[in-house]
Amino acid sequence: MTDTTDKQESLEDMITNLDADQASFLRGLMVGKSQTDAYLDAYECERKSANANASRLIANDSFHKVYVRAMLDSFEGLIDGFKRMSPVILRRVGEILESENEAVAARVIDSILDRIGIVKSTKLDVEGGINLVYIDKDLKDI
């Protein structure tokens, strides 16, 4: 989580400055609800006005500061979680790649590379053969 100092108000303190409905709206956003759905859960209104009102509330300077801080703290927590899990993930990927099932290993490699922006492609070589190459999604050879 973000380290707080005397000059930097904690997220918890910032949230206490919100009214109950605003805090409920923020919680909805933080669990992945759309702006409209989070607003509908927090406030009693019609869906048509919820979209516009949600946009206005997010644009409100006081709420926006809390929302951005909550998003940053959430992102930092996610990164910390990935850092803690990376040894386990790497060990498991290694076990899969060392298994005797080459088809599964190939699918795992393709999936991991695809998710980080590297895709498989074929390329004709000078002698007329086909080579399997990996390129990043901006179409640059690796």
Protein backbone atom coordinates (compact mmCIF):
# COMPACT_ATOMS: atom_id res chain seq x y z
CA MET A 1 0.00 0.00 0.00
CA THR A 2 0.97 3.62 -0.35
CA ASP A 3 3.14 4.94 2.46
CA THR A 4 1.45 7.89 4.14
CA THR A 5 3.20 10.88 5.65
CA ASP A 6 2.00 13.90 7.60
CA LYS A 7 1.58 15.79 4.33
CA GLN A 8 -0.23 12.95 2.58
CA GLU A 9 -3.66 12.08 3.93
CA SER A 10 -4.40 8.35 4.14
CA LEU A 11 -7.00 6.87 1.83
CA GLU A 12 -9.11 5.91 4.84
CA ASP A 13 -9.12 9.53 6.02
CA MET A 14 -9.98 10.73 2.54
CA ILE A 15 -12.93 8.32 2.37
CA THR A 16 -14.30 9.61 5.70
CA ASN A 17 -14.65 13.01 4.01
CA LEU A 18 -17.14 11.48 1.54
CA ASP A 19 -20.80 11.16 2.39
CA ALA A 20 -22.26 7.64 2.70
CA ASP A 21 -23.59 7.58 -0.87
CA GLN A 22 -20.29 8.77 -2.34
CA ALA A 23 -18.40 6.13 -0.34
CA SER A 24 -20.84 3.47 -1.59
CA PHE A 25 -20.33 4.68 -5.17
CA LEU A 26 -16.55 4.50 -4.70
CA ARG A 27 -16.80 0.93 -3.34
CA GLY A 28 -18.85 -0.08 -6.37
CA LEU A 29 -16.25 1.36 -8.73
CA MET A 30 -13.44 -0.37 -6.87
CA VAL A 31 -15.05 -3.79 -7.21
CA GLY A 32 -15.32 -3.32 -10.97
CA LYS A 33 -18.86 -2.11 -11.47
CA SER A 34 -19.55 0.33 -14.27
CA GLN A 35 -19.99 3.96 -13.29
CA THR A 36 -23.71 3.69 -13.98
CA ASP A 37 -24.22 0.49 -11.99
CA ALA A 38 -22.13 1.76 -9.06
CA TYR A 39 -24.17 4.96 -9.04
CA LEU A 40 -27.48 3.07 -9.19
CA ASP A 41 -26.40 0.95 -6.20
CA ALA A 42 -25.42 4.04 -4.21
CA TYR A 43 -28.24 6.42 -5.13
CA GLU A 44 -31.91 5.95 -5.85
CA CYS A 45 -32.46 7.24 -9.37
CA GLU A 46 -33.35 6.16 -12.88
CA ARG A 47 -30.70 4.53 -15.06
CA LYS A 48 -30.89 7.38 -17.57
CA SER A 49 -29.83 9.98 -15.02
CA ALA A 50 -27.37 7.65 -13.25
CA ASN A 51 -24.94 7.72 -16.17
CA ALA A 52 -24.77 11.53 -16.31
CA ASN A 53 -24.69 11.89 -12.53
CA ALA A 54 -21.91 9.31 -12.19
CA SER A 55 -19.81 11.19 -14.74
CA ARG A 56 -20.39 14.47 -12.90
CA LEU A 57 -19.46 12.95 -9.55
CA ILE A 58 -16.24 11.44 -10.89
CA ALA A 59 -15.36 14.82 -12.40
CA ASN A 60 -15.95 16.53 -9.02
CA ASP A 61 -12.50 17.53 -7.78
CA SER A 62 -12.98 16.31 -4.20
CA PHE A 63 -14.34 12.91 -5.23
CA HIS A 64 -11.88 12.58 -8.10
CA LYS A 65 -8.89 12.91 -5.75
CA VAL A 66 -10.21 10.09 -3.56
CA TYR A 67 -11.06 7.94 -6.59
CA VAL A 68 -7.60 8.34 -8.14
CA ARG A 69 -5.93 7.62 -4.80
CA ALA A 70 -8.04 4.48 -4.33
CA MET A 71 -7.17 3.31 -7.85
CA LEU A 72 -3.44 3.90 -7.25
CA ASP A 73 -3.51 2.09 -3.91
CA SER A 74 -5.41 -0.78 -5.51
CA PHE A 75 -2.90 -0.98 -8.36
CA GLU A 76 0.04 -0.98 -5.93
CA GLY A 77 -1.60 -3.80 -3.99
CA LEU A 78 -2.07 -5.77 -7.19
CA ILE A 79 1.58 -5.35 -8.12
CA ASP A 80 2.65 -6.41 -4.62
CA GLY A 81 0.48 -9.52 -4.97
CA PHE A 82 2.05 -10.40 -8.31
CA LYS A 83 5.52 -9.93 -6.83
CA ARG A 84 4.69 -12.30 -3.97
CA MET A 85 3.19 -14.88 -6.34
CA SER A 86 5.83 -14.72 -9.08
CA PRO A 87 8.05 -17.48 -7.63
CA VAL A 88 5.04 -19.80 -7.43
CA ILE A 89 3.94 -18.87 -10.96
CA LEU A 90 7.43 -19.36 -12.40
CA ARG A 91 7.82 -22.72 -10.65
CA ARG A 92 4.46 -23.92 -11.98
CA VAL A 93 5.24 -22.76 -15.54
CA GLY A 94 8.59 -24.57 -15.28
CA GLU A 95 6.83 -27.76 -14.19
CA ILE A 96 4.44 -27.52 -17.13
CA LEU A 97 7.25 -26.88 -19.61
CA GLU A 98 9.25 -29.83 -18.26
CA SER A 99 6.30 -32.19 -18.49
CA GLU A 100 6.21 -34.80 -21.19
CA ASN A 101 3.10 -33.33 -22.75
CA GLU A 102 4.59 -31.07 -25.44
CA ALA A 103 1.18 -29.95 -26.69
CA VAL A 104 0.27 -28.54 -23.27
CA ALA A 105 3.70 -26.91 -22.94
CA ALA A 106 3.31 -25.29 -26.37
CA ARG A 107 -0.15 -23.93 -25.48
CA VAL A 108 1.19 -22.51 -22.20
CA ILE A 109 4.07 -20.77 -23.99
CA ASP A 110 1.76 -19.37 -26.69
CA SER A 111 -0.71 -18.12 -24.08
CA ILE A 112 1.95 -16.42 -21.94
CA LEU A 113 3.62 -14.80 -24.95
CA ASP A 114 0.28 -13.63 -26.33
CA ARG A 115 -0.65 -12.00 -23.04
CA ILE A 116 2.57 -10.02 -22.95
CA GLY A 117 2.21 -8.86 -26.54
CA ILE A 118 4.18 -11.44 -28.49
CA VAL A 119 2.41 -13.53 -31.10
CA LYS A 120 3.36 -16.49 -33.23
CA SER A 121 3.64 -16.00 -36.97
CA THR A 122 5.00 -17.87 -39.95
CA LYS A 123 7.64 -16.50 -42.24
CA LEU A 124 8.93 -17.84 -45.56
CA ASP A 125 12.69 -18.20 -45.66
CA VAL A 126 14.91 -17.71 -48.70
CA GLU A 127 14.97 -21.41 -49.55
CA GLY A 128 11.17 -21.54 -49.64
CA GLY A 129 10.72 -23.18 -46.22
CA ILE A 130 8.33 -21.96 -43.59
CA ASN A 131 9.74 -20.89 -40.23
CA LEU A 132 7.80 -20.24 -37.08
CA VAL A 133 8.75 -16.86 -35.61
CA TYR A 134 7.53 -14.78 -32.72
CA ILE A 135 6.80 -11.09 -33.23
CA ASP A 136 5.51 -8.43 -30.90
CA LYS A 137 2.05 -7.13 -31.64
CA ASP A 138 3.54 -4.00 -33.26
CA LEU A 139 4.82 -6.40 -35.97
CA LYS A 140 8.48 -6.18 -35.13
CA ASP A 141 10.56 -9.38 -35.27
CA ILE A 142 12.04 -10.52 -32.01
